Amino acid sequence: MAKFYIQSGTMRATLAAEDSRRAALWAVHQAMQQIVPVYDDPDLTPEQKSDSAMIEGMLVLGDTIRLSEQGYDREDAEELPTFDVVTEWNQLMIALDRLERLFGGKE
C-alpha cells in the first residue's frame, strides 16, 4: 500500500491506501462522519459532535481533494473533484445499507 498525503479545505491527513481513489473516499468518509450517522460512527449526540467540532475544528472539504505520495502542497498532486468523490461515497453507503438490510434482517 502506498502512503498518501491528502489535502482539501481544512483537512490535511496521511493515509496508507491501495490507490488515490480509495484515499479520497476515506477523506470524504472522515468528513461525513462528523455530520452523517454511518455504520462505524461512534454513538455521539449532536451536542457532543458540536462540542468536538468546536474543540478539534471541523473538517471542511474544499472543491477538490489533492492527493500525493510525495508530500503536502505539491504542484504535481492528483486532484479529484470533491463532488465526484462524495457522489461515489454516497453510492457506497447506499450499497452497504442495502447489504446490511439483506443480510441483517432489517426491513
C-alpha atoms as a PDB file:
ATOM      1  CA  MET A   1       0.000   0.000   0.000  1.00  0.00           C
ATOM      2  CA  ALA A   2       1.116   3.498  -0.785  1.00  0.00           C
ATOM      3  CA  LYS A   3       1.150   6.408   1.633  1.00  0.00           C
ATOM      4  CA  PHE A   4      -0.955   9.371   0.518  1.00  0.00           C
ATOM      5  CA  TYR A   5      -0.858  12.959   1.694  1.00  0.00           C
ATOM      6  CA  ILE A   6      -4.422  14.251   1.480  1.00  0.00           C
ATOM      7  CA  GLN A   7      -5.428  17.916   1.367  1.00  0.00           C
ATOM      8  CA  SER A   8      -8.831  19.501   0.962  1.00  0.00           C
ATOM      9  CA  GLY A   9     -10.251  22.537   2.703  1.00  0.00           C
ATOM     10  CA  THR A  10      -9.298  22.231   6.371  1.00  0.00           C
ATOM     11  CA  MET A  11      -8.300  18.555   6.062  1.00  0.00           C
ATOM     12  CA  ARG A  12      -4.664  17.504   5.985  1.00  0.00           C
ATOM     13  CA  ALA A  13      -4.053  13.827   6.607  1.00  0.00           C
ATOM     14  CA  THR A  14      -1.802  10.949   5.688  1.00  0.00           C
ATOM     15  CA  LEU A  15      -3.112   7.503   4.923  1.00  0.00           C
ATOM     16  CA  ALA A  16      -1.922   4.184   3.583  1.00  0.00           C
ATOM     17  CA  ALA A  17      -4.290   3.055   0.812  1.00  0.00           C
ATOM     18  CA  GLU A  18      -4.355   0.825  -2.250  1.00  0.00           C
ATOM     19  CA  ASP A  19      -4.763   3.822  -4.560  1.00  0.00           C
ATOM     20  CA  SER A  20      -5.562   7.524  -4.609  1.00  0.00           C
ATOM     21  CA  ARG A  21      -9.297   6.964  -5.206  1.00  0.00           C
ATOM     22  CA  ARG A  22      -9.600   4.909  -2.027  1.00  0.00           C
ATOM     23  CA  ALA A  23      -7.631   7.517  -0.110  1.00  0.00           C
ATOM     24  CA  ALA A  24     -10.025  10.210  -1.365  1.00  0.00           C
ATOM     25  CA  LEU A  25     -13.038   8.119  -0.337  1.00  0.00           C
ATOM     26  CA  TRP A  26     -11.538   7.762   3.137  1.00  0.00           C
ATOM     27  CA  ALA A  27     -11.147  11.551   3.352  1.00  0.00           C
ATOM     28  CA  VAL A  28     -14.795  12.078   2.444  1.00  0.00           C
ATOM     29  CA  HIS A  29     -15.832   9.387   4.924  1.00  0.00           C
ATOM     30  CA  GLN A  30     -13.896  11.110   7.715  1.00  0.00           C
ATOM     31  CA  ALA A  31     -15.516  14.452   6.925  1.00  0.00           C
ATOM     32  CA  MET A  32     -19.006  12.994   6.580  1.00  0.00           C
ATOM     33  CA  GLN A  33     -18.776  11.074   9.868  1.00  0.00           C
ATOM     34  CA  GLN A  34     -18.942  14.406  11.644  1.00  0.00           C
ATOM     35  CA  ILE A  35     -22.459  15.065  10.435  1.00  0.00           C
ATOM     36  CA  VAL A  36     -23.984  11.903   8.979  1.00  0.00           C
ATOM     37  CA  PRO A  37     -24.509   8.811  11.135  1.00  0.00           C
ATOM     38  CA  VAL A  38     -22.862   5.933   9.263  1.00  0.00           C
ATOM     39  CA  TYR A  39     -22.226   2.335  10.244  1.00  0.00           C
ATOM     40  CA  ASP A  40     -18.974   2.927  12.117  1.00  0.00           C
ATOM     41  CA  ASP A  41     -19.880   6.338  13.526  1.00  0.00           C
ATOM     42  CA  PRO A  42     -19.470   6.467  17.305  1.00  0.00           C
ATOM     43  CA  ASP A  43     -22.716   6.998  19.192  1.00  0.00           C
ATOM     44  CA  LEU A  44     -22.312  10.711  19.756  1.00  0.00           C
ATOM     45  CA  THR A  45     -25.195  13.069  20.307  1.00  0.00           C
ATOM     46  CA  PRO A  46     -25.472  16.144  18.080  1.00  0.00           C
ATOM     47  CA  GLU A  47     -24.353  18.220  21.063  1.00  0.00           C
ATOM     48  CA  GLN A  48     -21.246  16.056  21.542  1.00  0.00           C
ATOM     49  CA  LYS A  49     -20.422  16.336  17.840  1.00  0.00           C
ATOM     50  CA  SER A  50     -20.813  20.096  18.020  1.00  0.00           C
ATOM     51  CA  ASP A  51     -18.574  20.294  21.094  1.00  0.00           C
ATOM     52  CA  SER A  52     -15.956  18.133  19.383  1.00  0.00           C
ATOM     53  CA  ALA A  53     -16.053  20.302  16.258  1.00  0.00           C
ATOM     54  CA  MET A  54     -15.544  23.424  18.371  1.00  0.00           C
ATOM     55  CA  ILE A  55     -12.590  21.910  20.225  1.00  0.00           C
ATOM     56  CA  GLU A  56     -10.889  19.954  17.439  1.00  0.00           C
ATOM     57  CA  GLY A  57     -12.027  22.010  14.478  1.00  0.00           C
ATOM     58  CA  MET A  58     -14.471  20.867  11.862  1.00  0.00           C
ATOM     59  CA  LEU A  59     -13.152  19.102   8.798  1.00  0.00           C
ATOM     60  CA  VAL A  60     -14.457  21.036   5.815  1.00  0.00           C
ATOM     61  CA  LEU A  61     -13.611  19.783   2.355  1.00  0.00           C
ATOM     62  CA  GLY A  62     -12.789  22.152  -0.487  1.00  0.00           C
ATOM     63  CA  ASP A  63     -13.846  21.910  -4.136  1.00  0.00           C
ATOM     64  CA  THR A  64     -11.089  19.393  -4.828  1.00  0.00           C
ATOM     65  CA  ILE A  65      -9.241  16.688  -2.947  1.00  0.00           C
ATOM     66  CA  ARG A  66      -5.495  16.792  -3.592  1.00  0.00           C
ATOM     67  CA  LEU A  67      -3.524  13.569  -3.168  1.00  0.00           C
ATOM     68  CA  SER A  68       0.196  12.995  -3.390  1.00  0.00           C
ATOM     69  CA  GLU A  69       2.582  10.216  -2.473  1.00  0.00           C
ATOM     70  CA  GLN A  70       5.376  12.796  -2.121  1.00  0.00           C
ATOM     71  CA  GLY A  71       4.022  15.274   0.441  1.00  0.00           C
ATOM     72  CA  TYR A  72       1.733  18.247   1.011  1.00  0.00           C
ATOM     73  CA  ASP A  73       1.467  21.312  -1.223  1.00  0.00           C
ATOM     74  CA  ARG A  74       2.896  19.579  -4.275  1.00  0.00           C
ATOM     75  CA  GLU A  75       2.171  21.041  -7.690  1.00  0.00           C
ATOM     76  CA  ASP A  76       2.123  17.531  -9.145  1.00  0.00           C
ATOM     77  CA  ALA A  77      -0.556  16.266  -6.719  1.00  0.00           C
ATOM     78  CA  GLU A  78      -3.529  14.467  -8.225  1.00  0.00           C
ATOM     79  CA  GLU A  79      -6.739  16.492  -7.919  1.00  0.00           C
ATOM     80  CA  LEU A  80     -10.159  14.915  -7.739  1.00  0.00           C
ATOM     81  CA  PRO A  81     -13.403  16.904  -7.723  1.00  0.00           C
ATOM     82  CA  THR A  82     -14.869  16.617  -4.210  1.00  0.00           C
ATOM     83  CA  PHE A  83     -18.399  16.395  -5.619  1.00  0.00           C
ATOM     84  CA  ASP A  84     -17.480  13.281  -7.642  1.00  0.00           C
ATOM     85  CA  VAL A  85     -15.878  11.583  -4.636  1.00  0.00           C
ATOM     86  CA  VAL A  86     -18.836  12.456  -2.375  1.00  0.00           C
ATOM     87  CA  THR A  87     -21.190  11.006  -5.001  1.00  0.00           C
ATOM     88  CA  GLU A  88     -19.188   7.770  -5.089  1.00  0.00           C
ATOM     89  CA  TRP A  89     -19.057   7.677  -1.253  1.00  0.00           C
ATOM     90  CA  ASN A  90     -22.838   8.101  -1.149  1.00  0.00           C
ATOM     91  CA  GLN A  91     -23.323   5.230  -3.593  1.00  0.00           C
ATOM     92  CA  LEU A  92     -21.101   3.034  -1.421  1.00  0.00           C
ATOM     93  CA  MET A  93     -23.088   3.933   1.716  1.00  0.00           C
ATOM     94  CA  ILE A  94     -26.356   3.087  -0.062  1.00  0.00           C
ATOM     95  CA  ALA A  95     -24.923  -0.263  -1.171  1.00  0.00           C
ATOM     96  CA  LEU A  96     -23.711  -1.021   2.372  1.00  0.00           C
ATOM     97  CA  ASP A  97     -27.127  -0.149   3.772  1.00  0.00           C
ATOM     98  CA  ARG A  98     -28.798  -2.483   1.287  1.00  0.00           C
ATOM     99  CA  LEU A  99     -26.394  -5.291   2.168  1.00  0.00           C
ATOM    100  CA  GLU A 100     -26.990  -4.739   5.865  1.00  0.00           C
ATOM    101  CA  ARG A 101     -30.738  -4.914   5.316  1.00  0.00           C
ATOM    102  CA  LEU A 102     -30.423  -8.002   3.140  1.00  0.00           C
ATOM    103  CA  PHE A 103     -28.126  -9.932   5.488  1.00  0.00           C
ATOM    104  CA  GLY A 104     -29.020  -8.245   8.760  1.00  0.00           C
ATOM    105  CA  GLY A 105     -32.704  -9.000   8.503  1.00  0.00           C
ATOM    106  CA  LYS A 106     -33.795  -5.345   8.738  1.00  0.00           C
ATOM    107  CA  GLU A 107     -36.765  -4.192   6.735  1.00  0.00           C
END
